[in-house]
Amino acid sequence: MLVLLAVVLAGCPGLGRAQTNSANADNHKAYVLGTNGTLYLTLPAGWKDSLKRAQGADGVHDAIIFTPADTNEFNFMLVVFTVAKNHAGAAELKNSLLQSGLRESTNYAETSLTLRELAGGQTLGAYYRVTDRRLTAAKAAPGDFKYMTRGYAVLGPLVLTFELVSNDADRDEPAALEALRQARFAQ
């Protein structure tokens, strides 16, 4: 089964606050990231969100999880990392993404990973999509997902790692990637 990012989530509802711009029906959201500034996203209609804390090997990070309002058709998670001035360049970030995918490649139907560019507005990054090898010919059971899209997006001083698990990647992946392309950051 493809699972969400390898971080431990600890629910902390007081972490930050997701503010909705109620004057706009396009589902614009502002996520106050503690002392790290504010992340602005435009979500597809019907997506619900929750802001949590994610424990990683290098500390605790803001994590935003998106799901459909009434179903469990997909899960989309962003984990926010603040990057120092001497952060890894694009080549190192791509290599790290590729290496993490290769470590799990026995779970995928694909025999190789194809990195795709992600660019738009303030966002630059890369991602790949894979298929759970157990589900190539079978229907996913509740809680299992056939497809996973994983990547990163650099947005100002932030690196957003993301993972989308879905049973309809042709529908859900473009929506998730568009939200990232339109993302904005302000200190």
Foldseek 3Di string as FASTA:
>chain_A
DDDFDPWDWDADQVQWDWDFPVVDPQGWIWTQHPVQFIKIFRAHPQKDKGWTWTQDPVGIWIKMWIAGNPARQKIKMKTKDFADPPGDDQVVQVVVQQVVCVVVVVQFPDPHWDWDWQAADQKTKIKTKTFGNVPPPHDDDVPAAGMKIWMWIDGPRIIITMMMGGNCCVPPVVRVSVRRRPMHTDD
